């Protein structure tokens, strides 16, 4: 860890960002012009290295995670175009959807895949079979680029997540109407969907439908809220992070993603659904929810806190990479300055 998680002043962040625009654009151009999947995979390593460089130079987490997500979007779009050329997708209207942290534009430098497909075709099962072959090859290509296969198999290559628009409405409807534990678990991933490549209007229509459906189900929002409140960070008597955080392996470590960042994204999701907001990014959701002056002050405070937690998370990942260790989100509270803890 490196000092305080306080974000750089706004003017400084803009200056740093402008100073890196050419480097970011160069990598984006390399993705766009890549002639093969192997070249995209090679350039993906450059994108990760740039992320670590920007973090070391002091770029604020809110800007860095957006840059990482935007570069990942460009990379994934190029993979989809290259791989689609090898598959017969004629007669199918489809769109690749980003889910989870990718859907929220909050990816860090250590992440796995969460994606899905929405489609329309005359022969649904025949089209699904073709799309699944295409999606599985894309999932493997993303793995080559450093995005681990999802342990829970929440990927477009899984038939459960390669669905028509009507099937997606039915699936979301079941989750909202039942509110059982599985529904709430999926809600934390699938409700953050956004269009990444293809017929984006299909995703926009699904978002509009979901907003209307959830608005009619206040019980589901309450269940999501209660579920989010079960994730309690290890704080002490006066609200400070306990030096004896939860046990991870054989060491006392605080999972800053699970018990730090996730509570904010969970709350932002509920608030966005409660007001029918189309935004998927947590900070945009929080700021978009705020309507009254006191809500605006709260939302601004929350977004600053979220940015600080993301900064800790990124520094931890950079330290793991520097030490040649597998990247994780576990920090030692005892290593933090008293003020930050």
C-alpha atoms as a PDB file:
ATOM      1  CA  UNK A   1       0.000   0.000   0.000  1.00  0.00           C
ATOM      2  CA  UNK A   2       1.191   3.505  -0.731  1.00  0.00           C
ATOM      3  CA  UNK A   3       0.060   6.205   1.679  1.00  0.00           C
ATOM      4  CA  UNK A   4      -3.450   7.571   1.656  1.00  0.00           C
ATOM      5  CA  UNK A   5      -6.229   6.597  -0.727  1.00  0.00           C
ATOM      6  CA  UNK A   6      -7.249  10.240  -1.123  1.00  0.00           C
ATOM      7  CA  UNK A   7      -7.947  10.989  -4.777  1.00  0.00           C
ATOM      8  CA  UNK A   8      -5.834  13.446  -6.752  1.00  0.00           C
ATOM      9  CA  UNK A   9      -7.327  16.937  -7.131  1.00  0.00           C
ATOM     10  CA  UNK A  10      -9.649  17.244 -10.124  1.00  0.00           C
ATOM     11  CA  UNK A  11      -7.302  19.537 -12.048  1.00  0.00           C
ATOM     12  CA  UNK A  12      -4.370  17.208 -11.466  1.00  0.00           C
ATOM     13  CA  UNK A  13      -6.394  14.193 -12.613  1.00  0.00           C
ATOM     14  CA  UNK A  14      -7.336  15.969 -15.835  1.00  0.00           C
ATOM     15  CA  UNK A  15      -3.714  16.929 -16.455  1.00  0.00           C
ATOM     16  CA  UNK A  16      -2.555  13.344 -15.943  1.00  0.00           C
ATOM     17  CA  UNK A  17      -5.321  12.071 -18.194  1.00  0.00           C
ATOM     18  CA  UNK A  18      -4.444  14.476 -20.997  1.00  0.00           C
ATOM     19  CA  UNK A  19      -0.817  13.446 -20.708  1.00  0.00           C
ATOM     20  CA  UNK A  20      -1.732   9.789 -21.317  1.00  0.00           C
ATOM     21  CA  UNK A  21      -4.330  10.243 -24.067  1.00  0.00           C
ATOM     22  CA  UNK A  22      -1.844   9.392 -26.820  1.00  0.00           C
ATOM     23  CA  UNK A  23      -0.736   6.218 -25.052  1.00  0.00           C
ATOM     24  CA  UNK A  24      -4.325   5.088 -24.534  1.00  0.00           C
ATOM     25  CA  UNK A  25      -5.231   5.862 -28.144  1.00  0.00           C
ATOM     26  CA  UNK A  26      -2.177   3.987 -29.433  1.00  0.00           C
ATOM     27  CA  UNK A  27      -3.267   0.799 -27.664  1.00  0.00           C
ATOM     28  CA  UNK A  28      -6.873   1.250 -28.804  1.00  0.00           C
ATOM     29  CA  UNK A  29      -5.660   1.670 -32.401  1.00  0.00           C
ATOM     30  CA  UNK A  30      -3.523  -1.456 -32.053  1.00  0.00           C
ATOM     31  CA  UNK A  31      -6.616  -3.416 -31.012  1.00  0.00           C
ATOM     32  CA  UNK A  32      -8.712  -2.006 -33.856  1.00  0.00           C
ATOM     33  CA  UNK A  33      -6.074  -2.831 -36.462  1.00  0.00           C
ATOM     34  CA  UNK A  34      -5.111  -6.266 -35.078  1.00  0.00           C
ATOM     35  CA  UNK A  35      -5.378  -8.841 -37.904  1.00  0.00           C
ATOM     36  CA  UNK A  36      -5.685 -11.915 -35.662  1.00  0.00           C
ATOM     37  CA  UNK A  37      -6.689 -13.039 -32.185  1.00  0.00           C
ATOM     38  CA  UNK A  38      -3.047 -13.740 -31.329  1.00  0.00           C
ATOM     39  CA  UNK A  39      -2.176 -10.094 -32.004  1.00  0.00           C
ATOM     40  CA  UNK A  40      -5.063  -8.879 -29.833  1.00  0.00           C
ATOM     41  CA  UNK A  41      -3.803 -11.111 -27.008  1.00  0.00           C
ATOM     42  CA  UNK A  42      -0.306  -9.647 -27.306  1.00  0.00           C
ATOM     43  CA  UNK A  43      -1.672  -6.090 -27.163  1.00  0.00           C
ATOM     44  CA  UNK A  44      -3.778  -6.951 -24.100  1.00  0.00           C
ATOM     45  CA  UNK A  45      -0.560  -7.266 -22.094  1.00  0.00           C
ATOM     46  CA  UNK A  46       0.349  -3.725 -23.179  1.00  0.00           C
ATOM     47  CA  UNK A  47      -3.031  -2.469 -21.901  1.00  0.00           C
ATOM     48  CA  UNK A  48      -2.476  -4.033 -18.480  1.00  0.00           C
ATOM     49  CA  UNK A  49       1.033  -2.598 -18.273  1.00  0.00           C
ATOM     50  CA  UNK A  50      -0.311   0.855 -19.128  1.00  0.00           C
ATOM     51  CA  UNK A  51      -2.843   0.499 -16.327  1.00  0.00           C
ATOM     52  CA  UNK A  52      -0.096  -0.160 -13.785  1.00  0.00           C
ATOM     53  CA  UNK A  53       1.934   2.745 -15.173  1.00  0.00           C
ATOM     54  CA  UNK A  54      -0.966   5.183 -14.861  1.00  0.00           C
ATOM     55  CA  UNK A  55      -1.628   4.013 -11.309  1.00  0.00           C
ATOM     56  CA  UNK A  56       2.034   4.525 -10.378  1.00  0.00           C
ATOM     57  CA  UNK A  57       1.903   8.004 -11.926  1.00  0.00           C
ATOM     58  CA  UNK A  58      -0.968   8.916  -9.622  1.00  0.00           C
ATOM     59  CA  UNK A  59      -4.036   8.658 -11.830  1.00  0.00           C
ATOM     60  CA  UNK A  60      -7.254   8.636  -9.807  1.00  0.00           C
ATOM     61  CA  UNK A  61      -9.115   5.338  -9.623  1.00  0.00           C
ATOM     62  CA  UNK A  62     -12.284   6.791 -11.143  1.00  0.00           C
ATOM     63  CA  UNK A  63     -10.368   7.723 -14.312  1.00  0.00           C
ATOM     64  CA  UNK A  64      -8.200   4.610 -14.404  1.00  0.00           C
ATOM     65  CA  UNK A  65     -11.046   2.090 -14.130  1.00  0.00           C
ATOM     66  CA  UNK A  66     -12.910   3.916 -16.906  1.00  0.00           C
ATOM     67  CA  UNK A  67      -9.836   3.809 -19.169  1.00  0.00           C
ATOM     68  CA  UNK A  68      -9.330   0.106 -18.405  1.00  0.00           C
ATOM     69  CA  UNK A  69     -12.986  -0.614 -19.190  1.00  0.00           C
ATOM     70  CA  UNK A  70     -12.922   1.391 -22.421  1.00  0.00           C
ATOM     71  CA  UNK A  71      -9.788  -0.382 -23.642  1.00  0.00           C
ATOM     72  CA  UNK A  72     -11.329  -3.724 -22.709  1.00  0.00           C
ATOM     73  CA  UNK A  73     -14.419  -2.761 -24.727  1.00  0.00           C
ATOM     74  CA  UNK A  74     -12.332  -1.982 -27.805  1.00  0.00           C
ATOM     75  CA  UNK A  75     -10.405  -5.239 -27.374  1.00  0.00           C
ATOM     76  CA  UNK A  76     -13.548  -7.348 -26.984  1.00  0.00           C
ATOM     77  CA  UNK A  77     -15.228  -5.681 -29.955  1.00  0.00           C
ATOM     78  CA  UNK A  78     -12.217  -6.501 -32.134  1.00  0.00           C
ATOM     79  CA  UNK A  79     -12.251 -10.124 -30.968  1.00  0.00           C
ATOM     80  CA  UNK A  80     -15.960 -10.381 -31.746  1.00  0.00           C
ATOM     81  CA  UNK A  81     -15.454  -9.005 -35.256  1.00  0.00           C
ATOM     82  CA  UNK A  82     -12.527 -11.321 -35.982  1.00  0.00           C
ATOM     83  CA  UNK A  83     -14.236 -14.437 -34.660  1.00  0.00           C
ATOM     84  CA  UNK A  84     -17.598 -13.616 -36.259  1.00  0.00           C
ATOM     85  CA  UNK A  85     -15.886 -13.829 -39.653  1.00  0.00           C
ATOM     86  CA  UNK A  86     -15.335 -17.551 -39.043  1.00  0.00           C
ATOM     87  CA  UNK A  87     -18.965 -18.263 -38.155  1.00  0.00           C
ATOM     88  CA  UNK A  88     -22.188 -18.209 -40.142  1.00  0.00           C
ATOM     89  CA  UNK A  89     -24.323 -15.685 -38.276  1.00  0.00           C
ATOM     90  CA  UNK A  90     -26.444 -14.597 -41.239  1.00  0.00           C
ATOM     91  CA  UNK A  91     -30.112 -14.126 -40.430  1.00  0.00           C
ATOM     92  CA  UNK A  92     -29.455 -13.589 -36.706  1.00  0.00           C
ATOM     93  CA  UNK A  93     -29.876 -10.265 -34.923  1.00  0.00           C
ATOM     94  CA  UNK A  94     -27.643 -10.404 -31.880  1.00  0.00           C
ATOM     95  CA  UNK A  95     -25.858  -8.298 -29.282  1.00  0.00           C
ATOM     96  CA  UNK A  96     -23.024  -9.201 -26.926  1.00  0.00           C
ATOM     97  CA  UNK A  97     -23.753  -7.944 -23.412  1.00  0.00           C
ATOM     98  CA  UNK A  98     -21.247  -7.041 -20.710  1.00  0.00           C
ATOM     99  CA  UNK A  99     -22.250  -7.954 -17.146  1.00  0.00           C
ATOM    100  CA  UNK A 100     -20.907  -7.436 -13.628  1.00  0.00           C
ATOM    101  CA  UNK A 101     -17.944  -5.071 -13.215  1.00  0.00           C
ATOM    102  CA  UNK A 102     -17.498  -4.886 -16.990  1.00  0.00           C
ATOM    103  CA  UNK A 103     -21.120  -3.876 -17.332  1.00  0.00           C
ATOM    104  CA  UNK A 104     -20.567  -1.186 -14.679  1.00  0.00           C
ATOM    105  CA  UNK A 105     -17.397   0.100 -16.415  1.00  0.00           C
ATOM    106  CA  UNK A 106     -15.526  -0.631 -13.181  1.00  0.00           C
ATOM    107  CA  UNK A 107     -13.064  -3.297 -14.221  1.00  0.00           C
ATOM    108  CA  UNK A 108      -9.707  -3.285 -12.493  1.00  0.00           C
ATOM    109  CA  UNK A 109      -6.525  -5.058 -13.579  1.00  0.00           C
ATOM    110  CA  UNK A 110      -7.605  -8.397 -12.093  1.00  0.00           C
ATOM    111  CA  UNK A 111     -10.929  -9.713 -13.369  1.00  0.00           C
ATOM    112  CA  UNK A 112     -12.755 -12.611 -14.941  1.00  0.00           C
ATOM    113  CA  UNK A 113     -15.439 -12.763 -17.611  1.00  0.00           C
ATOM    114  CA  UNK A 114     -19.131 -12.009 -17.186  1.00  0.00           C
ATOM    115  CA  UNK A 115     -20.995 -11.793 -20.494  1.00  0.00           C
ATOM    116  CA  UNK A 116     -24.140 -12.925 -22.281  1.00  0.00           C
ATOM    117  CA  UNK A 117     -25.943 -12.835 -25.631  1.00  0.00           C
ATOM    118  CA  UNK A 118     -29.378 -11.586 -26.653  1.00  0.00           C
ATOM    119  CA  UNK A 119     -30.682 -12.493 -30.105  1.00  0.00           C
ATOM    120  CA  UNK A 120     -33.622 -12.817 -32.474  1.00  0.00           C
ATOM    121  CA  UNK A 121     -34.041 -15.263 -35.365  1.00  0.00           C
ATOM    122  CA  UNK A 122     -36.734 -17.214 -37.193  1.00  0.00           C
ATOM    123  CA  UNK A 123     -35.358 -20.616 -36.178  1.00  0.00           C
ATOM    124  CA  UNK A 124     -34.425 -19.966 -32.558  1.00  0.00           C
ATOM    125  CA  UNK A 125     -32.735 -23.264 -31.681  1.00  0.00           C
ATOM    126  CA  UNK A 126     -30.733 -23.421 -34.892  1.00  0.00           C
ATOM    127  CA  UNK A 127     -29.587 -19.836 -34.378  1.00  0.00           C
ATOM    128  CA  UNK A 128     -28.733 -20.517 -30.725  1.00  0.00           C
ATOM    129  CA  UNK A 129     -26.523 -23.435 -31.745  1.00  0.00           C
ATOM    130  CA  UNK A 130     -24.599 -21.227 -34.173  1.00  0.00           C
ATOM    131  CA  UNK A 131     -24.249 -18.428 -31.636  1.00  0.00           C
ATOM    132  CA  UNK A 132     -23.013 -20.790 -28.933  1.00  0.00           C
ATOM    133  CA  UNK A 133     -20.161 -21.999 -31.150  1.00  0.00           C
ATOM    134  CA  UNK A 134     -19.244 -18.379 -31.831  1.00  0.00           C
ATOM    135  CA  UNK A 135     -19.557 -17.391 -28.160  1.00  0.00           C
ATOM    136  CA  UNK A 136     -17.455 -20.272 -26.840  1.00  0.00           C
ATOM    137  CA  UNK A 137     -14.631 -19.405 -29.198  1.00  0.00           C
ATOM    138  CA  UNK A 138     -14.883 -15.782 -28.048  1.00  0.00           C
ATOM    139  CA  UNK A 139     -14.805 -16.806 -24.375  1.00  0.00           C
ATOM    140  CA  UNK A 140     -11.625 -18.792 -25.001  1.00  0.00           C
ATOM    141  CA  UNK A 141     -10.093 -15.866 -26.901  1.00  0.00           C
ATOM    142  CA  UNK A 142     -10.862 -13.528 -23.997  1.00  0.00           C
ATOM    143  CA  UNK A 143      -9.163 -16.022 -21.673  1.00  0.00           C
ATOM    144  CA  UNK A 144      -6.063 -15.830 -23.892  1.00  0.00           C
ATOM    145  CA  UNK A 145      -6.187 -12.048 -23.418  1.00  0.00           C
ATOM    146  CA  UNK A 146      -6.067 -12.348 -19.628  1.00  0.00           C
ATOM    147  CA  UNK A 147      -9.762 -12.488 -18.715  1.00  0.00           C
ATOM    148  CA  UNK A 148     -10.246 -15.681 -16.755  1.00  0.00           C
ATOM    149  CA  UNK A 149     -13.154 -17.949 -17.588  1.00  0.00           C
ATOM    150  CA  UNK A 150     -15.946 -17.252 -15.114  1.00  0.00           C
ATOM    151  CA  UNK A 151     -15.904 -19.870 -12.312  1.00  0.00           C
ATOM    152  CA  UNK A 152     -19.716 -19.716 -12.234  1.00  0.00           C
ATOM    153  CA  UNK A 153     -19.915 -20.113 -16.039  1.00  0.00           C
ATOM    154  CA  UNK A 154     -21.749 -16.806 -16.465  1.00  0.00           C
ATOM    155  CA  UNK A 155     -20.613 -16.459 -20.057  1.00  0.00           C
ATOM    156  CA  UNK A 156     -22.259 -16.182 -23.434  1.00  0.00           C
ATOM    157  CA  UNK A 157     -21.053 -19.668 -24.344  1.00  0.00           C
ATOM    158  CA  UNK A 158     -23.382 -21.144 -21.719  1.00  0.00           C
ATOM    159  CA  UNK A 159     -26.858 -21.910 -23.219  1.00  0.00           C
ATOM    160  CA  UNK A 160     -28.458 -20.458 -20.069  1.00  0.00           C
ATOM    161  CA  UNK A 161     -27.132 -17.022 -21.010  1.00  0.00           C
ATOM    162  CA  UNK A 162     -27.629 -17.092 -24.774  1.00  0.00           C
ATOM    163  CA  UNK A 163     -31.299 -16.133 -24.977  1.00  0.00           C
ATOM    164  CA  UNK A 164     -33.850 -14.372 -27.141  1.00  0.00           C
ATOM    165  CA  UNK A 165     -35.315 -11.063 -25.999  1.00  0.00           C
ATOM    166  CA  UNK A 166     -38.495 -12.851 -24.897  1.00  0.00           C
ATOM    167  CA  UNK A 167     -36.467 -15.437 -22.968  1.00  0.00           C
ATOM    168  CA  UNK A 168     -34.490 -12.706 -21.213  1.00  0.00           C
ATOM    169  CA  UNK A 169     -37.709 -10.975 -20.182  1.00  0.00           C
ATOM    170  CA  UNK A 170     -38.998 -14.272 -18.822  1.00  0.00           C
ATOM    171  CA  UNK A 171     -35.728 -14.930 -16.952  1.00  0.00           C
ATOM    172  CA  UNK A 172     -35.605 -11.463 -15.402  1.00  0.00           C
ATOM    173  CA  UNK A 173     -39.307 -11.706 -14.621  1.00  0.00           C
ATOM    174  CA  UNK A 174     -38.771 -14.954 -12.712  1.00  0.00           C
ATOM    175  CA  UNK A 175     -35.957 -13.406 -10.655  1.00  0.00           C
ATOM    176  CA  UNK A 176     -37.946 -10.277  -9.842  1.00  0.00           C
ATOM    177  CA  UNK A 177     -41.167 -12.122  -9.081  1.00  0.00           C
ATOM    178  CA  UNK A 178     -39.640 -14.805  -6.841  1.00  0.00           C
ATOM    179  CA  UNK A 179     -36.847 -12.886  -5.101  1.00  0.00           C
ATOM    180  CA  UNK A 180     -35.306 -16.161  -3.895  1.00  0.00           C
ATOM    181  CA  UNK A 181     -31.580 -16.386  -2.966  1.00  0.00           C
ATOM    182  CA  UNK A 182     -30.567 -17.470  -6.466  1.00  0.00           C
ATOM    183  CA  UNK A 183     -32.484 -14.547  -7.957  1.00  0.00           C
ATOM    184  CA  UNK A 184     -30.765 -12.082  -5.651  1.00  0.00           C
ATOM    185  CA  UNK A 185     -27.358 -13.589  -6.458  1.00  0.00           C
ATOM    186  CA  UNK A 186     -27.966 -13.269 -10.192  1.00  0.00           C
ATOM    187  CA  UNK A 187     -29.313  -9.776  -9.690  1.00  0.00           C
ATOM    188  CA  UNK A 188     -25.888  -8.622  -8.535  1.00  0.00           C
ATOM    189  CA  UNK A 189     -24.421  -9.624 -11.904  1.00  0.00           C
ATOM    190  CA  UNK A 190     -27.130  -9.548 -14.557  1.00  0.00           C
ATOM    191  CA  UNK A 191     -28.861  -6.303 -13.558  1.00  0.00           C
ATOM    192  CA  UNK A 192     -25.674  -4.447 -14.544  1.00  0.00           C
ATOM    193  CA  UNK A 193     -25.915  -5.476 -18.197  1.00  0.00           C
ATOM    194  CA  UNK A 194     -25.047  -3.134 -21.047  1.00  0.00           C
ATOM    195  CA  UNK A 195     -24.680  -3.511 -24.792  1.00  0.00           C
ATOM    196  CA  UNK A 196     -21.126  -4.055 -25.970  1.00  0.00           C
ATOM    197  CA  UNK A 197     -21.350  -5.059 -29.629  1.00  0.00           C
ATOM    198  CA  UNK A 198     -24.129  -5.772 -32.100  1.00  0.00           C
ATOM    199  CA  UNK A 199     -27.794  -4.742 -32.199  1.00  0.00           C
ATOM    200  CA  UNK A 200     -27.707  -2.384 -29.230  1.00  0.00           C
ATOM    201  CA  UNK A 201     -31.394  -1.466 -29.550  1.00  0.00           C
ATOM    202  CA  UNK A 202     -32.312  -4.950 -28.343  1.00  0.00           C
ATOM    203  CA  UNK A 203     -30.486  -4.277 -25.073  1.00  0.00           C
ATOM    204  CA  UNK A 204     -32.014  -0.810 -24.739  1.00  0.00           C
ATOM    205  CA  UNK A 205     -35.488  -2.323 -25.109  1.00  0.00           C
ATOM    206  CA  UNK A 206     -34.698  -4.961 -22.474  1.00  0.00           C
ATOM    207  CA  UNK A 207     -33.498  -2.254 -20.068  1.00  0.00           C
ATOM    208  CA  UNK A 208     -36.696  -0.244 -20.595  1.00  0.00           C
ATOM    209  CA  UNK A 209     -38.847  -3.310 -19.978  1.00  0.00           C
ATOM    210  CA  UNK A 210     -36.898  -4.251 -16.831  1.00  0.00           C
ATOM    211  CA  UNK A 211     -37.189  -0.745 -15.386  1.00  0.00           C
ATOM    212  CA  UNK A 212     -40.961  -0.822 -15.770  1.00  0.00           C
ATOM    213  CA  UNK A 213     -41.265  -4.344 -14.380  1.00  0.00           C
ATOM    214  CA  UNK A 214     -39.138  -3.677 -11.295  1.00  0.00           C
ATOM    215  CA  UNK A 215     -41.060  -0.474 -10.568  1.00  0.00           C
ATOM    216  CA  UNK A 216     -44.145  -2.628 -10.067  1.00  0.00           C
ATOM    217  CA  UNK A 217     -42.342  -4.943  -7.608  1.00  0.00           C
ATOM    218  CA  UNK A 218     -41.284  -2.952  -4.518  1.00  0.00           C
ATOM    219  CA  UNK A 219     -40.933  -6.191  -2.547  1.00  0.00           C
ATOM    220  CA  UNK A 220     -38.064  -7.258  -4.805  1.00  0.00           C
ATOM    221  CA  UNK A 221     -36.211  -3.992  -4.160  1.00  0.00           C
ATOM    222  CA  UNK A 222     -36.663  -4.540  -0.437  1.00  0.00           C
ATOM    223  CA  UNK A 223     -35.290  -8.085  -0.730  1.00  0.00           C
ATOM    224  CA  UNK A 224     -32.288  -6.798  -2.704  1.00  0.00           C
ATOM    225  CA  UNK A 225     -31.710  -4.149  -0.030  1.00  0.00           C
ATOM    226  CA  UNK A 226     -31.866  -6.685   2.790  1.00  0.00           C
ATOM    227  CA  UNK A 227     -29.504  -8.979   0.916  1.00  0.00           C
ATOM    228  CA  UNK A 228     -27.024  -6.140   0.412  1.00  0.00           C
ATOM    229  CA  UNK A 229     -27.099  -5.286   4.127  1.00  0.00           C
ATOM    230  CA  UNK A 230     -25.930  -8.810   5.005  1.00  0.00           C
ATOM    231  CA  UNK A 231     -22.501  -7.945   3.590  1.00  0.00           C
ATOM    232  CA  UNK A 232     -21.046  -6.125   6.584  1.00  0.00           C
ATOM    233  CA  UNK A 233     -17.459  -4.842   6.507  1.00  0.00           C
ATOM    234  CA  UNK A 234     -15.276  -5.709   9.537  1.00  0.00           C
ATOM    235  CA  UNK A 235     -15.445  -2.388  11.373  1.00  0.00           C
ATOM    236  CA  UNK A 236     -14.750  -1.720  15.018  1.00  0.00           C
ATOM    237  CA  UNK A 237     -16.769  -0.039  17.747  1.00  0.00           C
ATOM    238  CA  UNK A 238     -16.400   3.495  16.368  1.00  0.00           C
ATOM    239  CA  UNK A 239     -16.683   2.645  12.686  1.00  0.00           C
ATOM    240  CA  UNK A 240     -12.975   2.283  11.889  1.00  0.00           C
ATOM    241  CA  UNK A 241     -11.708  -0.768  10.032  1.00  0.00           C
ATOM    242  CA  UNK A 242     -10.684  -3.401  12.548  1.00  0.00           C
ATOM    243  CA  UNK A 243      -6.977  -4.333  12.520  1.00  0.00           C
ATOM    244  CA  UNK A 244      -8.163  -7.920  12.965  1.00  0.00           C
ATOM    245  CA  UNK A 245     -10.210  -8.276   9.804  1.00  0.00           C
ATOM    246  CA  UNK A 246     -11.688 -11.507   8.503  1.00  0.00           C
ATOM    247  CA  UNK A 247      -9.378 -14.460   8.139  1.00  0.00           C
ATOM    248  CA  UNK A 248      -8.263 -15.074   4.546  1.00  0.00           C
ATOM    249  CA  UNK A 249      -6.259 -18.278   4.341  1.00  0.00           C
ATOM    250  CA  UNK A 250      -4.061 -18.160   7.428  1.00  0.00           C
ATOM    251  CA  UNK A 251      -3.660 -14.393   7.498  1.00  0.00           C
ATOM    252  CA  UNK A 252      -5.814 -11.521   8.666  1.00  0.00           C
ATOM    253  CA  UNK A 253      -6.816  -9.717   5.487  1.00  0.00           C
ATOM    254  CA  UNK A 254      -9.609  -7.412   4.411  1.00  0.00           C
ATOM    255  CA  UNK A 255     -11.171  -8.283   1.029  1.00  0.00           C
ATOM    256  CA  UNK A 256     -11.572  -4.732  -0.233  1.00  0.00           C
ATOM    257  CA  UNK A 257     -13.668  -5.867  -3.205  1.00  0.00           C
ATOM    258  CA  UNK A 258     -16.121  -8.092  -1.332  1.00  0.00           C
ATOM    259  CA  UNK A 259     -16.477  -6.039   1.857  1.00  0.00           C
ATOM    260  CA  UNK A 260     -15.530  -2.592   0.563  1.00  0.00           C
ATOM    261  CA  UNK A 261     -16.495  -1.985  -3.063  1.00  0.00           C
ATOM    262  CA  UNK A 262     -19.407  -4.430  -3.342  1.00  0.00           C
ATOM    263  CA  UNK A 263     -21.617  -2.753  -0.709  1.00  0.00           C
ATOM    264  CA  UNK A 264     -21.458   0.467  -2.737  1.00  0.00           C
ATOM    265  CA  UNK A 265     -22.262  -1.246  -6.051  1.00  0.00           C
ATOM    266  CA  UNK A 266     -25.098  -3.178  -4.376  1.00  0.00           C
ATOM    267  CA  UNK A 267     -26.635   0.004  -2.979  1.00  0.00           C
ATOM    268  CA  UNK A 268     -26.178   1.869  -6.255  1.00  0.00           C
ATOM    269  CA  UNK A 269     -27.964  -0.935  -8.122  1.00  0.00           C
ATOM    270  CA  UNK A 270     -30.979  -0.831  -5.805  1.00  0.00           C
ATOM    271  CA  UNK A 271     -31.204   2.959  -5.948  1.00  0.00           C
ATOM    272  CA  UNK A 272     -30.960   2.958  -9.746  1.00  0.00           C
ATOM    273  CA  UNK A 273     -33.684   0.321 -10.079  1.00  0.00           C
ATOM    274  CA  UNK A 274     -35.887   2.223  -7.641  1.00  0.00           C
ATOM    275  CA  UNK A 275     -35.858   5.271  -9.916  1.00  0.00           C
ATOM    276  CA  UNK A 276     -35.666   3.597 -13.296  1.00  0.00           C
ATOM    277  CA  UNK A 277     -32.179   4.842 -14.128  1.00  0.00           C
ATOM    278  CA  UNK A 278     -30.487   3.397 -17.199  1.00  0.00           C
ATOM    279  CA  UNK A 279     -26.922   4.000 -15.945  1.00  0.00           C
ATOM    280  CA  UNK A 280     -24.892   0.937 -14.943  1.00  0.00           C
ATOM    281  CA  UNK A 281     -21.790   2.623 -13.485  1.00  0.00           C
ATOM    282  CA  UNK A 282     -22.033   2.824  -9.683  1.00  0.00           C
ATOM    283  CA  UNK A 283     -20.937   6.455  -9.358  1.00  0.00           C
ATOM    284  CA  UNK A 284     -23.280   7.540 -12.140  1.00  0.00           C
ATOM    285  CA  UNK A 285     -26.106   5.613 -10.487  1.00  0.00           C
ATOM    286  CA  UNK A 286     -25.507   7.261  -7.121  1.00  0.00           C
ATOM    287  CA  UNK A 287     -25.247  10.761  -8.563  1.00  0.00           C
ATOM    288  CA  UNK A 288     -28.226  10.140 -10.851  1.00  0.00           C
ATOM    289  CA  UNK A 289     -30.348   8.997  -7.907  1.00  0.00           C
ATOM    290  CA  UNK A 290     -29.721  12.229  -5.992  1.00  0.00           C
ATOM    291  CA  UNK A 291     -32.444  14.824  -6.542  1.00  0.00           C
ATOM    292  CA  UNK A 292     -32.506  16.944  -3.398  1.00  0.00           C
ATOM    293  CA  UNK A 293     -29.536  18.932  -2.037  1.00  0.00           C
ATOM    294  CA  UNK A 294     -28.975  16.602   0.933  1.00  0.00           C
ATOM    295  CA  UNK A 295     -29.126  13.585  -1.413  1.00  0.00           C
ATOM    296  CA  UNK A 296     -26.567  15.214  -3.688  1.00  0.00           C
ATOM    297  CA  UNK A 297     -24.211  15.764  -0.762  1.00  0.00           C
ATOM    298  CA  UNK A 298     -24.645  12.145   0.307  1.00  0.00           C
ATOM    299  CA  UNK A 299     -24.067  10.821  -3.211  1.00  0.00           C
ATOM    300  CA  UNK A 300     -20.918  12.892  -3.675  1.00  0.00           C
ATOM    301  CA  UNK A 301     -19.573  11.571  -0.372  1.00  0.00           C
ATOM    302  CA  UNK A 302     -20.372   7.996  -1.360  1.00  0.00           C
ATOM    303  CA  UNK A 303     -18.636   8.319  -4.731  1.00  0.00           C
ATOM    304  CA  UNK A 304     -15.499   9.694  -3.057  1.00  0.00           C
ATOM    305  CA  UNK A 305     -15.493   6.778  -0.629  1.00  0.00           C
ATOM    306  CA  UNK A 306     -15.964   4.284  -3.462  1.00  0.00           C
ATOM    307  CA  UNK A 307     -13.071   5.856  -5.375  1.00  0.00           C
ATOM    308  CA  UNK A 308     -10.823   5.567  -2.312  1.00  0.00           C
ATOM    309  CA  UNK A 309     -11.644   1.870  -1.925  1.00  0.00           C
ATOM    310  CA  UNK A 310     -10.963   1.264  -5.620  1.00  0.00           C
ATOM    311  CA  UNK A 311      -7.588   2.972  -5.202  1.00  0.00           C
ATOM    312  CA  UNK A 312      -6.640   0.568  -2.391  1.00  0.00           C
ATOM    313  CA  UNK A 313      -7.765  -2.314  -4.550  1.00  0.00           C
ATOM    314  CA  UNK A 314      -5.678  -1.202  -7.531  1.00  0.00           C
ATOM    315  CA  UNK A 315      -2.574  -0.647  -5.406  1.00  0.00           C
ATOM    316  CA  UNK A 316      -2.952  -4.123  -3.959  1.00  0.00           C
ATOM    317  CA  UNK A 317      -3.148  -5.611  -7.443  1.00  0.00           C
ATOM    318  CA  UNK A 318      -0.088  -3.663  -8.526  1.00  0.00           C
ATOM    319  CA  UNK A 319       1.835  -4.887  -5.475  1.00  0.00           C
ATOM    320  CA  UNK A 320       0.929  -8.491  -6.302  1.00  0.00           C
ATOM    321  CA  UNK A 321       2.117  -8.066  -9.885  1.00  0.00           C
ATOM    322  CA  UNK A 322       5.342  -6.408  -8.722  1.00  0.00           C
ATOM    323  CA  UNK A 323       6.047  -9.290  -6.319  1.00  0.00           C
ATOM    324  CA  UNK A 324       5.186 -11.953  -8.893  1.00  0.00           C
ATOM    325  CA  UNK A 325       2.181 -13.184  -6.897  1.00  0.00           C
ATOM    326  CA  UNK A 326      -1.318 -14.024  -8.143  1.00  0.00           C
ATOM    327  CA  UNK A 327      -3.403 -10.860  -8.019  1.00  0.00           C
ATOM    328  CA  UNK A 328      -6.084 -10.568  -5.348  1.00  0.00           C
ATOM    329  CA  UNK A 329      -8.008  -7.909  -3.411  1.00  0.00           C
ATOM    330  CA  UNK A 330      -6.798  -8.726   0.111  1.00  0.00           C
ATOM    331  CA  UNK A 331      -5.202  -5.941   2.128  1.00  0.00           C
ATOM    332  CA  UNK A 332      -3.747  -6.026   5.633  1.00  0.00           C
ATOM    333  CA  UNK A 333      -5.586  -3.394   7.743  1.00  0.00           C
ATOM    334  CA  UNK A 334      -2.574  -3.127  10.053  1.00  0.00           C
ATOM    335  CA  UNK A 335      -0.503  -1.818   7.131  1.00  0.00           C
ATOM    336  CA  UNK A 336      -2.829   1.146   6.589  1.00  0.00           C
ATOM    337  CA  UNK A 337      -2.203   4.548   8.136  1.00  0.00           C
ATOM    338  CA  UNK A 338      -4.501   5.217  11.084  1.00  0.00           C
ATOM    339  CA  UNK A 339      -6.490   7.900   9.251  1.00  0.00           C
ATOM    340  CA  UNK A 340      -7.197   5.651   6.253  1.00  0.00           C
ATOM    341  CA  UNK A 341      -8.181   2.712   8.436  1.00  0.00           C
END
